[in-house]
Amino acid sequence: MLGNRNLLKEGAAVMEPEEEIYVNVEQLSPTGGRCKHQEPQKTDKAVGTDCVAEEETETWSHFKVATVCLGLLCFLLLTSVIPVAVLYDRDFNQLSRDLANHTAERNQLLIRNQNLTDERDRLESRLKRTATCPEGWMKFGCSCYLLSSTANIWSTSRGRCSREGADLVIIDSWEEMGFLNKLGANSKFWIGLSRTSGTDKWMWTDGRSPQTTFWQRGHPLRNPFRTQRCAAFNSFQAGILQLNVRSWSSEFCAQHLQWVCDKKAAPPALVN
């Protein structure tokens, strides 16, 4: 009996170092207890893979949001463009029809204007052939001219023309200048051109400004008192070139000169 107890003691004594080792191993465990099965820790490579996956997922989400926004924008743009295109097409068609109508009207007016022009030319040609002037008057084109045999001031000369149903001559062309030069050869006479009082503006008796002028050099005269306000025709050498004609002169209106009256020629039945 005693021998068995000794054996047990020896066995306990023998086991004590192993238990100490076992206890020390448990103390080395991070949990402070017995060693448990621990999952292997992730390596740096696994962590990097997770981060890339998260970034890809976030990028894909942003891409989907951008795609949806772009789709909505395209839809809104399309819904805006379609009405504009419809309105443009409608307005374009209406403008095209209006343009076609206006073009047709313009062509009709051009044709009518040409017809009226042709008719006017025929009437003028007939008038030139058939119209006559009163006795003592000279005919040129469609007008009649009378050179006075006496002299008077500009205003009285115009009054004399008015009694004849005419006015002081208005000159519109070089051809008319040539005719008047023959009519009043070697003479000087009043024409229906005068300067407005207080200004330098010259006007014909019908209110028009002269388009073509044949002033002598130095005329119209300009002076502080502006007293030379009436124009006179001075005969010039026959055959002189049109660009070299210097005929008109500005004169004192109270000067006594001959004058030339001008009026339209009338058909034979209307001649006095």
C-alpha atoms as a PDB file:
ATOM      1  CA  MET A   1       0.000   0.000   0.000  1.00  0.00           C
ATOM      2  CA  LEU A   2       2.731   2.271   0.882  1.00  0.00           C
ATOM      3  CA  GLY A   3       4.433   1.292  -2.304  1.00  0.00           C
ATOM      4  CA  ASN A   4       1.476   2.358  -4.374  1.00  0.00           C
ATOM      5  CA  ARG A   5       1.331   5.741  -2.745  1.00  0.00           C
ATOM      6  CA  ASN A   6       4.973   6.234  -3.470  1.00  0.00           C
ATOM      7  CA  LEU A   7       4.369   5.378  -7.107  1.00  0.00           C
ATOM      8  CA  LEU A   8       1.546   7.896  -7.310  1.00  0.00           C
ATOM      9  CA  LYS A   9       3.697  10.554  -5.796  1.00  0.00           C
ATOM     10  CA  GLU A  10       6.448   9.780  -8.182  1.00  0.00           C
ATOM     11  CA  GLY A  11       4.017   9.893 -11.061  1.00  0.00           C
ATOM     12  CA  ALA A  12       2.689  13.233  -9.901  1.00  0.00           C
ATOM     13  CA  ALA A  13       6.187  14.453  -9.526  1.00  0.00           C
ATOM     14  CA  VAL A  14       6.963  13.239 -13.003  1.00  0.00           C
ATOM     15  CA  MET A  15       3.844  14.967 -14.470  1.00  0.00           C
ATOM     16  CA  GLU A  16       4.446  18.305 -12.881  1.00  0.00           C
ATOM     17  CA  PRO A  17       6.992  19.524 -15.473  1.00  0.00           C
ATOM     18  CA  GLU A  18       4.621  18.559 -18.334  1.00  0.00           C
ATOM     19  CA  GLU A  19       1.769  20.433 -16.720  1.00  0.00           C
ATOM     20  CA  GLU A  20       3.975  23.436 -16.330  1.00  0.00           C
ATOM     21  CA  ILE A  21       4.830  23.238 -20.008  1.00  0.00           C
ATOM     22  CA  TYR A  22       1.135  22.959 -20.871  1.00  0.00           C
ATOM     23  CA  VAL A  23       0.333  25.921 -18.679  1.00  0.00           C
ATOM     24  CA  ASN A  24       3.092  27.957 -20.229  1.00  0.00           C
ATOM     25  CA  VAL A  25       1.784  27.203 -23.694  1.00  0.00           C
ATOM     26  CA  GLU A  26      -1.695  28.373 -22.677  1.00  0.00           C
ATOM     27  CA  GLN A  27      -0.234  31.561 -21.295  1.00  0.00           C
ATOM     28  CA  LEU A  28       1.491  32.203 -24.643  1.00  0.00           C
ATOM     29  CA  SER A  29      -1.888  32.018 -26.350  1.00  0.00           C
ATOM     30  CA  PRO A  30      -3.275  35.497 -27.286  1.00  0.00           C
ATOM     31  CA  THR A  31      -6.573  34.613 -25.601  1.00  0.00           C
ATOM     32  CA  GLY A  32      -4.888  33.778 -22.419  1.00  0.00           C
ATOM     33  CA  GLY A  33      -6.411  30.278 -22.545  1.00  0.00           C
ATOM     34  CA  ARG A  34      -5.956  27.182 -24.502  1.00  0.00           C
ATOM     35  CA  CYS A  35      -4.826  27.413 -28.050  1.00  0.00           C
ATOM     36  CA  LYS A  36      -7.744  27.621 -30.441  1.00  0.00           C
ATOM     37  CA  HIS A  37      -7.910  27.189 -34.174  1.00  0.00           C
ATOM     38  CA  GLN A  38      -7.126  30.604 -35.638  1.00  0.00           C
ATOM     39  CA  GLU A  39      -8.055  31.721 -39.148  1.00  0.00           C
ATOM     40  CA  PRO A  40      -5.100  32.631 -41.255  1.00  0.00           C
ATOM     41  CA  GLN A  41      -4.613  36.365 -41.441  1.00  0.00           C
ATOM     42  CA  LYS A  42      -5.124  38.136 -44.781  1.00  0.00           C
ATOM     43  CA  THR A  43      -2.026  39.096 -46.594  1.00  0.00           C
ATOM     44  CA  ASP A  44      -1.286  42.505 -48.051  1.00  0.00           C
ATOM     45  CA  LYS A  45      -2.247  41.165 -51.472  1.00  0.00           C
ATOM     46  CA  ALA A  46      -5.746  40.256 -50.289  1.00  0.00           C
ATOM     47  CA  VAL A  47      -6.193  43.702 -48.723  1.00  0.00           C
ATOM     48  CA  GLY A  48      -5.153  45.427 -51.979  1.00  0.00           C
ATOM     49  CA  THR A  49      -7.588  43.310 -53.949  1.00  0.00           C
ATOM     50  CA  ASP A  50     -10.447  44.308 -51.663  1.00  0.00           C
ATOM     51  CA  CYS A  51      -9.584  48.004 -52.067  1.00  0.00           C
ATOM     52  CA  VAL A  52      -9.523  47.753 -55.876  1.00  0.00           C
ATOM     53  CA  ALA A  53     -12.850  45.959 -55.819  1.00  0.00           C
ATOM     54  CA  GLU A  54     -14.376  48.690 -53.680  1.00  0.00           C
ATOM     55  CA  GLU A  55     -12.992  51.413 -56.033  1.00  0.00           C
ATOM     56  CA  GLU A  56     -14.360  49.597 -59.089  1.00  0.00           C
ATOM     57  CA  THR A  57     -17.755  49.290 -57.457  1.00  0.00           C
ATOM     58  CA  GLU A  58     -17.808  53.013 -56.621  1.00  0.00           C
ATOM     59  CA  THR A  59     -16.655  53.953 -60.156  1.00  0.00           C
ATOM     60  CA  TRP A  60     -19.331  51.763 -61.696  1.00  0.00           C
ATOM     61  CA  SER A  61     -21.967  53.460 -59.525  1.00  0.00           C
ATOM     62  CA  HIS A  62     -20.820  56.915 -60.686  1.00  0.00           C
ATOM     63  CA  PHE A  63     -20.839  55.723 -64.278  1.00  0.00           C
ATOM     64  CA  LYS A  64     -24.417  54.490 -63.959  1.00  0.00           C
ATOM     65  CA  VAL A  65     -25.497  57.828 -62.447  1.00  0.00           C
ATOM     66  CA  ALA A  66     -23.770  59.756 -65.253  1.00  0.00           C
ATOM     67  CA  THR A  67     -25.395  57.509 -67.853  1.00  0.00           C
ATOM     68  CA  VAL A  68     -28.838  58.075 -66.391  1.00  0.00           C
ATOM     69  CA  CYS A  69     -28.290  61.862 -66.303  1.00  0.00           C
ATOM     70  CA  LEU A  70     -27.040  61.875 -69.881  1.00  0.00           C
ATOM     71  CA  GLY A  71     -30.056  59.877 -70.971  1.00  0.00           C
ATOM     72  CA  LEU A  72     -32.409  62.324 -69.260  1.00  0.00           C
ATOM     73  CA  LEU A  73     -30.595  65.248 -70.868  1.00  0.00           C
ATOM     74  CA  CYS A  74     -30.886  63.655 -74.312  1.00  0.00           C
ATOM     75  CA  PHE A  75     -34.578  63.053 -73.732  1.00  0.00           C
ATOM     76  CA  LEU A  76     -35.181  66.664 -72.691  1.00  0.00           C
ATOM     77  CA  LEU A  77     -33.175  67.912 -75.665  1.00  0.00           C
ATOM     78  CA  LEU A  78     -35.146  65.702 -78.019  1.00  0.00           C
ATOM     79  CA  THR A  79     -38.474  66.852 -76.606  1.00  0.00           C
ATOM     80  CA  SER A  80     -37.335  70.463 -77.110  1.00  0.00           C
ATOM     81  CA  VAL A  81     -35.971  70.001 -80.623  1.00  0.00           C
ATOM     82  CA  ILE A  82     -38.996  68.240 -82.074  1.00  0.00           C
ATOM     83  CA  PRO A  83     -41.452  71.161 -81.455  1.00  0.00           C
ATOM     84  CA  VAL A  84     -38.891  73.644 -82.737  1.00  0.00           C
ATOM     85  CA  ALA A  85     -38.365  71.573 -85.870  1.00  0.00           C
ATOM     86  CA  VAL A  86     -42.112  71.359 -86.421  1.00  0.00           C
ATOM     87  CA  LEU A  87     -42.545  75.132 -86.006  1.00  0.00           C
ATOM     88  CA  TYR A  88     -39.556  75.821 -88.269  1.00  0.00           C
ATOM     89  CA  ASP A  89     -40.918  73.547 -90.966  1.00  0.00           C
ATOM     90  CA  ARG A  90     -44.327  75.208 -90.749  1.00  0.00           C
ATOM     91  CA  ASP A  91     -42.906  78.734 -90.844  1.00  0.00           C
ATOM     92  CA  PHE A  92     -40.496  77.846 -93.646  1.00  0.00           C
ATOM     93  CA  ASN A  93     -43.301  76.477 -95.759  1.00  0.00           C
ATOM     94  CA  GLN A  94     -45.416  79.575 -95.095  1.00  0.00           C
ATOM     95  CA  LEU A  95     -42.539  81.893 -95.978  1.00  0.00           C
ATOM     96  CA  SER A  96     -41.856  79.898 -99.116  1.00  0.00           C
ATOM     97  CA  ARG A  97     -45.481  80.290-100.201  1.00  0.00           C
ATOM     98  CA  ASP A  98     -45.409  84.017 -99.391  1.00  0.00           C
ATOM     99  CA  LEU A  99     -42.185  84.447-101.349  1.00  0.00           C
ATOM    100  CA  ALA A 100     -43.653  82.635-104.325  1.00  0.00           C
ATOM    101  CA  ASN A 101     -46.752  84.848-104.188  1.00  0.00           C
ATOM    102  CA  HIS A 102     -44.697  88.040-103.906  1.00  0.00           C
ATOM    103  CA  THR A 103     -42.464  86.914-106.746  1.00  0.00           C
ATOM    104  CA  ALA A 104     -45.493  86.299-108.936  1.00  0.00           C
ATOM    105  CA  GLU A 105     -46.939  89.711-108.010  1.00  0.00           C
ATOM    106  CA  ARG A 106     -43.607  91.398-108.729  1.00  0.00           C
ATOM    107  CA  ASN A 107     -43.411  89.743-112.126  1.00  0.00           C
ATOM    108  CA  GLN A 108     -46.945  90.887-112.907  1.00  0.00           C
ATOM    109  CA  LEU A 109     -46.069  94.443-111.831  1.00  0.00           C
ATOM    110  CA  LEU A 110     -42.937  94.379-113.969  1.00  0.00           C
ATOM    111  CA  ILE A 111     -44.947  93.257-116.956  1.00  0.00           C
ATOM    112  CA  ARG A 112     -47.589  95.920-116.288  1.00  0.00           C
ATOM    113  CA  ASN A 113     -44.888  98.574-115.855  1.00  0.00           C
ATOM    114  CA  GLN A 114     -43.273  97.548-119.125  1.00  0.00           C
ATOM    115  CA  ASN A 115     -46.626  97.727-120.880  1.00  0.00           C
ATOM    116  CA  LEU A 116     -47.263 101.203-119.442  1.00  0.00           C
ATOM    117  CA  THR A 117     -43.775 102.321-120.451  1.00  0.00           C
ATOM    118  CA  ASP A 118     -44.319 101.084-123.989  1.00  0.00           C
ATOM    119  CA  GLU A 119     -47.693 102.828-124.093  1.00  0.00           C
ATOM    120  CA  ARG A 120     -46.172 106.059-122.814  1.00  0.00           C
ATOM    121  CA  ASP A 121     -43.418 105.910-125.426  1.00  0.00           C
ATOM    122  CA  ARG A 122     -45.996 105.374-128.168  1.00  0.00           C
ATOM    123  CA  LEU A 123     -48.071 108.303-126.939  1.00  0.00           C
ATOM    124  CA  GLU A 124     -45.048 110.564-126.673  1.00  0.00           C
ATOM    125  CA  SER A 125     -43.940 109.597-130.134  1.00  0.00           C
ATOM    126  CA  ARG A 126     -47.424 110.282-131.466  1.00  0.00           C
ATOM    127  CA  LEU A 127     -47.588 113.576-129.574  1.00  0.00           C
ATOM    128  CA  LYS A 128     -44.266 114.673-131.027  1.00  0.00           C
ATOM    129  CA  ARG A 129     -45.614 114.015-134.478  1.00  0.00           C
ATOM    130  CA  THR A 130     -49.094 115.451-134.053  1.00  0.00           C
ATOM    131  CA  ALA A 131     -48.943 118.021-131.242  1.00  0.00           C
ATOM    132  CA  THR A 132     -48.583 121.605-132.334  1.00  0.00           C
ATOM    133  CA  CYS A 133     -47.645 124.880-130.713  1.00  0.00           C
ATOM    134  CA  PRO A 134     -49.412 128.259-130.827  1.00  0.00           C
ATOM    135  CA  GLU A 135     -48.370 130.690-133.506  1.00  0.00           C
ATOM    136  CA  GLY A 136     -44.963 132.214-132.848  1.00  0.00           C
ATOM    137  CA  TRP A 137     -43.875 129.404-130.550  1.00  0.00           C
ATOM    138  CA  MET A 138     -41.108 126.898-131.414  1.00  0.00           C
ATOM    139  CA  LYS A 139     -41.614 123.176-130.818  1.00  0.00           C
ATOM    140  CA  PHE A 140     -38.916 120.902-129.382  1.00  0.00           C
ATOM    141  CA  GLY A 141     -39.845 117.428-128.224  1.00  0.00           C
ATOM    142  CA  CYS A 142     -43.184 117.691-126.475  1.00  0.00           C
ATOM    143  CA  SER A 143     -42.750 121.332-125.429  1.00  0.00           C
ATOM    144  CA  CYS A 144     -43.282 124.758-126.943  1.00  0.00           C
ATOM    145  CA  TYR A 145     -40.894 127.688-126.450  1.00  0.00           C
ATOM    146  CA  LEU A 146     -41.275 131.416-126.942  1.00  0.00           C
ATOM    147  CA  LEU A 147     -38.409 133.937-126.920  1.00  0.00           C
ATOM    148  CA  SER A 148     -39.603 137.398-125.913  1.00  0.00           C
ATOM    149  CA  SER A 149     -38.930 140.389-128.134  1.00  0.00           C
ATOM    150  CA  THR A 150     -38.644 142.781-125.187  1.00  0.00           C
ATOM    151  CA  ALA A 151     -36.675 142.819-121.920  1.00  0.00           C
ATOM    152  CA  ASN A 152     -37.859 142.944-118.337  1.00  0.00           C
ATOM    153  CA  ILE A 153     -36.916 142.010-114.782  1.00  0.00           C
ATOM    154  CA  TRP A 154     -37.039 138.353-113.747  1.00  0.00           C
ATOM    155  CA  SER A 155     -40.327 138.450-111.779  1.00  0.00           C
ATOM    156  CA  THR A 156     -42.179 140.414-114.489  1.00  0.00           C
ATOM    157  CA  SER A 157     -40.846 138.058-117.149  1.00  0.00           C
ATOM    158  CA  ARG A 158     -42.246 135.121-115.267  1.00  0.00           C
ATOM    159  CA  GLY A 159     -45.607 136.893-114.993  1.00  0.00           C
ATOM    160  CA  ARG A 160     -45.655 137.373-118.774  1.00  0.00           C
ATOM    161  CA  CYS A 161     -45.104 133.655-119.270  1.00  0.00           C
ATOM    162  CA  SER A 162     -47.881 132.888-116.800  1.00  0.00           C
ATOM    163  CA  ARG A 163     -50.326 134.875-118.950  1.00  0.00           C
ATOM    164  CA  GLU A 164     -49.508 132.509-121.808  1.00  0.00           C
ATOM    165  CA  GLY A 165     -50.189 129.420-119.701  1.00  0.00           C
ATOM    166  CA  ALA A 166     -46.456 128.784-119.400  1.00  0.00           C
ATOM    167  CA  ASP A 167     -43.491 129.502-117.113  1.00  0.00           C
ATOM    168  CA  LEU A 168     -39.880 130.506-117.488  1.00  0.00           C
ATOM    169  CA  VAL A 169     -37.998 127.709-119.207  1.00  0.00           C
ATOM    170  CA  ILE A 170     -36.745 124.756-117.158  1.00  0.00           C
ATOM    171  CA  ILE A 171     -33.732 123.004-118.701  1.00  0.00           C
ATOM    172  CA  ASP A 172     -33.430 119.245-118.202  1.00  0.00           C
ATOM    173  CA  SER A 173     -30.893 118.097-120.788  1.00  0.00           C
ATOM    174  CA  TRP A 174     -27.952 118.987-122.968  1.00  0.00           C
ATOM    175  CA  GLU A 175     -30.151 118.591-126.052  1.00  0.00           C
ATOM    176  CA  GLU A 176     -32.492 121.258-124.708  1.00  0.00           C
ATOM    177  CA  MET A 177     -29.481 123.509-124.119  1.00  0.00           C
ATOM    178  CA  GLY A 178     -28.546 123.137-127.778  1.00  0.00           C
ATOM    179  CA  PHE A 179     -32.074 123.968-128.908  1.00  0.00           C
ATOM    180  CA  LEU A 180     -32.223 127.094-126.708  1.00  0.00           C
ATOM    181  CA  ASN A 181     -28.821 128.193-127.962  1.00  0.00           C
ATOM    182  CA  LYS A 182     -30.227 128.202-131.487  1.00  0.00           C
ATOM    183  CA  LEU A 183     -33.477 129.848-130.371  1.00  0.00           C
ATOM    184  CA  GLY A 184     -31.732 132.722-128.612  1.00  0.00           C
ATOM    185  CA  ALA A 185     -28.617 132.984-130.738  1.00  0.00           C
ATOM    186  CA  ASN A 186     -26.272 135.759-129.616  1.00  0.00           C
ATOM    187  CA  SER A 187     -28.586 136.753-126.786  1.00  0.00           C
ATOM    188  CA  LYS A 188     -28.975 136.564-123.032  1.00  0.00           C
ATOM    189  CA  PHE A 189     -32.308 135.725-121.410  1.00  0.00           C
ATOM    190  CA  TRP A 190     -33.918 134.744-118.131  1.00  0.00           C
ATOM    191  CA  ILE A 191     -34.531 131.063-117.273  1.00  0.00           C
ATOM    192  CA  GLY A 192     -36.706 129.643-114.501  1.00  0.00           C
ATOM    193  CA  LEU A 193     -33.872 129.177-111.987  1.00  0.00           C
ATOM    194  CA  SER A 194     -33.430 131.327-108.873  1.00  0.00           C
ATOM    195  CA  ARG A 195     -31.882 131.192-105.440  1.00  0.00           C
ATOM    196  CA  THR A 196     -34.020 130.921-102.342  1.00  0.00           C
ATOM    197  CA  SER A 197     -33.881 134.105-100.315  1.00  0.00           C
ATOM    198  CA  GLY A 198     -31.261 133.986 -97.566  1.00  0.00           C
ATOM    199  CA  THR A 199     -29.702 130.696 -98.760  1.00  0.00           C
ATOM    200  CA  ASP A 200     -27.335 129.396-101.442  1.00  0.00           C
ATOM    201  CA  LYS A 201     -29.850 126.826-102.694  1.00  0.00           C
ATOM    202  CA  TRP A 202     -30.936 127.202-106.339  1.00  0.00           C
ATOM    203  CA  MET A 203     -34.366 125.920-107.376  1.00  0.00           C
ATOM    204  CA  TRP A 204     -36.360 125.662-110.601  1.00  0.00           C
ATOM    205  CA  THR A 205     -39.778 127.315-110.701  1.00  0.00           C
ATOM    206  CA  ASP A 206     -41.436 123.903-110.257  1.00  0.00           C
ATOM    207  CA  GLY A 207     -39.611 123.373-106.944  1.00  0.00           C
ATOM    208  CA  ARG A 208     -36.946 120.962-108.182  1.00  0.00           C
ATOM    209  CA  SER A 209     -33.228 121.261-107.580  1.00  0.00           C
ATOM    210  CA  PRO A 210     -31.148 121.297-110.786  1.00  0.00           C
ATOM    211  CA  GLN A 211     -29.652 117.873-111.488  1.00  0.00           C
ATOM    212  CA  THR A 212     -27.344 119.040-114.282  1.00  0.00           C
ATOM    213  CA  THR A 213     -25.949 122.565-114.358  1.00  0.00           C
ATOM    214  CA  PHE A 214     -24.084 124.620-116.945  1.00  0.00           C
ATOM    215  CA  TRP A 215     -22.730 127.522-114.878  1.00  0.00           C
ATOM    216  CA  GLN A 216     -20.081 129.857-116.247  1.00  0.00           C
ATOM    217  CA  ARG A 217     -16.761 129.875-114.427  1.00  0.00           C
ATOM    218  CA  GLY A 218     -17.038 131.844-111.200  1.00  0.00           C
ATOM    219  CA  HIS A 219     -20.839 131.492-111.092  1.00  0.00           C
ATOM    220  CA  PRO A 220     -23.080 131.435-109.259  1.00  0.00           C
ATOM    221  CA  LEU A 221     -21.588 134.527-107.681  1.00  0.00           C
ATOM    222  CA  ARG A 222     -21.387 134.577-103.905  1.00  0.00           C
ATOM    223  CA  ASN A 223     -21.251 137.819-101.987  1.00  0.00           C
ATOM    224  CA  PRO A 224     -22.123 138.900 -98.443  1.00  0.00           C
ATOM    225  CA  PHE A 225     -25.405 140.473 -99.594  1.00  0.00           C
ATOM    226  CA  ARG A 226     -26.496 137.558-101.860  1.00  0.00           C
ATOM    227  CA  THR A 227     -28.195 139.955-104.241  1.00  0.00           C
ATOM    228  CA  GLN A 228     -27.600 137.979-107.470  1.00  0.00           C
ATOM    229  CA  ARG A 229     -30.402 135.486-107.029  1.00  0.00           C
ATOM    230  CA  CYS A 230     -31.675 134.929-110.615  1.00  0.00           C
ATOM    231  CA  ALA A 231     -30.129 132.821-113.395  1.00  0.00           C
ATOM    232  CA  ALA A 232     -29.721 133.830-117.039  1.00  0.00           C
ATOM    233  CA  PHE A 233     -28.859 131.855-120.180  1.00  0.00           C
ATOM    234  CA  ASN A 234     -25.899 133.112-122.213  1.00  0.00           C
ATOM    235  CA  SER A 235     -25.530 131.856-125.776  1.00  0.00           C
ATOM    236  CA  PHE A 236     -22.365 129.880-126.512  1.00  0.00           C
ATOM    237  CA  GLN A 237     -20.399 128.830-129.543  1.00  0.00           C
ATOM    238  CA  ALA A 238     -22.162 126.162-131.590  1.00  0.00           C
ATOM    239  CA  GLY A 239     -20.469 122.773-131.704  1.00  0.00           C
ATOM    240  CA  ILE A 240     -18.823 123.126-128.310  1.00  0.00           C
ATOM    241  CA  LEU A 241     -18.543 119.905-126.339  1.00  0.00           C
ATOM    242  CA  GLN A 242     -21.153 119.276-123.673  1.00  0.00           C
ATOM    243  CA  LEU A 243     -18.580 119.067-120.860  1.00  0.00           C
ATOM    244  CA  ASN A 244     -17.172 122.459-121.852  1.00  0.00           C
ATOM    245  CA  VAL A 245     -20.461 124.369-121.966  1.00  0.00           C
ATOM    246  CA  ARG A 246     -20.419 127.389-119.652  1.00  0.00           C
ATOM    247  CA  SER A 247     -23.722 129.183-120.177  1.00  0.00           C
ATOM    248  CA  TRP A 248     -25.586 130.098-117.001  1.00  0.00           C
ATOM    249  CA  SER A 249     -24.772 133.160-114.936  1.00  0.00           C
ATOM    250  CA  SER A 250     -26.186 134.540-111.681  1.00  0.00           C
ATOM    251  CA  GLU A 251     -27.627 138.043-112.140  1.00  0.00           C
ATOM    252  CA  PHE A 252     -29.398 140.766-110.225  1.00  0.00           C
ATOM    253  CA  CYS A 253     -33.096 139.965-110.514  1.00  0.00           C
ATOM    254  CA  ALA A 254     -33.882 143.655-111.233  1.00  0.00           C
ATOM    255  CA  GLN A 255     -31.813 143.563-114.392  1.00  0.00           C
ATOM    256  CA  HIS A 256     -33.752 143.855-117.678  1.00  0.00           C
ATOM    257  CA  LEU A 257     -33.258 140.849-119.966  1.00  0.00           C
ATOM    258  CA  GLN A 258     -35.239 138.915-122.537  1.00  0.00           C
ATOM    259  CA  TRP A 259     -36.839 135.686-121.372  1.00  0.00           C
ATOM    260  CA  VAL A 260     -37.973 132.301-122.736  1.00  0.00           C
ATOM    261  CA  CYS A 261     -41.341 130.782-121.839  1.00  0.00           C
ATOM    262  CA  ASP A 262     -41.895 127.007-121.818  1.00  0.00           C
ATOM    263  CA  LYS A 263     -45.099 124.918-121.882  1.00  0.00           C
ATOM    264  CA  LYS A 264     -46.242 121.490-123.033  1.00  0.00           C
ATOM    265  CA  ALA A 265     -47.329 121.054-126.611  1.00  0.00           C
ATOM    266  CA  ALA A 266     -51.036 120.286-127.065  1.00  0.00           C
ATOM    267  CA  PRO A 267     -52.934 118.087-129.501  1.00  0.00           C
ATOM    268  CA  PRO A 268     -54.240 119.983-132.546  1.00  0.00           C
ATOM    269  CA  ALA A 269     -57.796 120.166-131.188  1.00  0.00           C
ATOM    270  CA  LEU A 270     -56.592 121.964-128.041  1.00  0.00           C
ATOM    271  CA  VAL A 271     -54.379 124.553-129.730  1.00  0.00           C
ATOM    272  CA  ASN A 272     -55.703 128.102-129.216  1.00  0.00           C
END
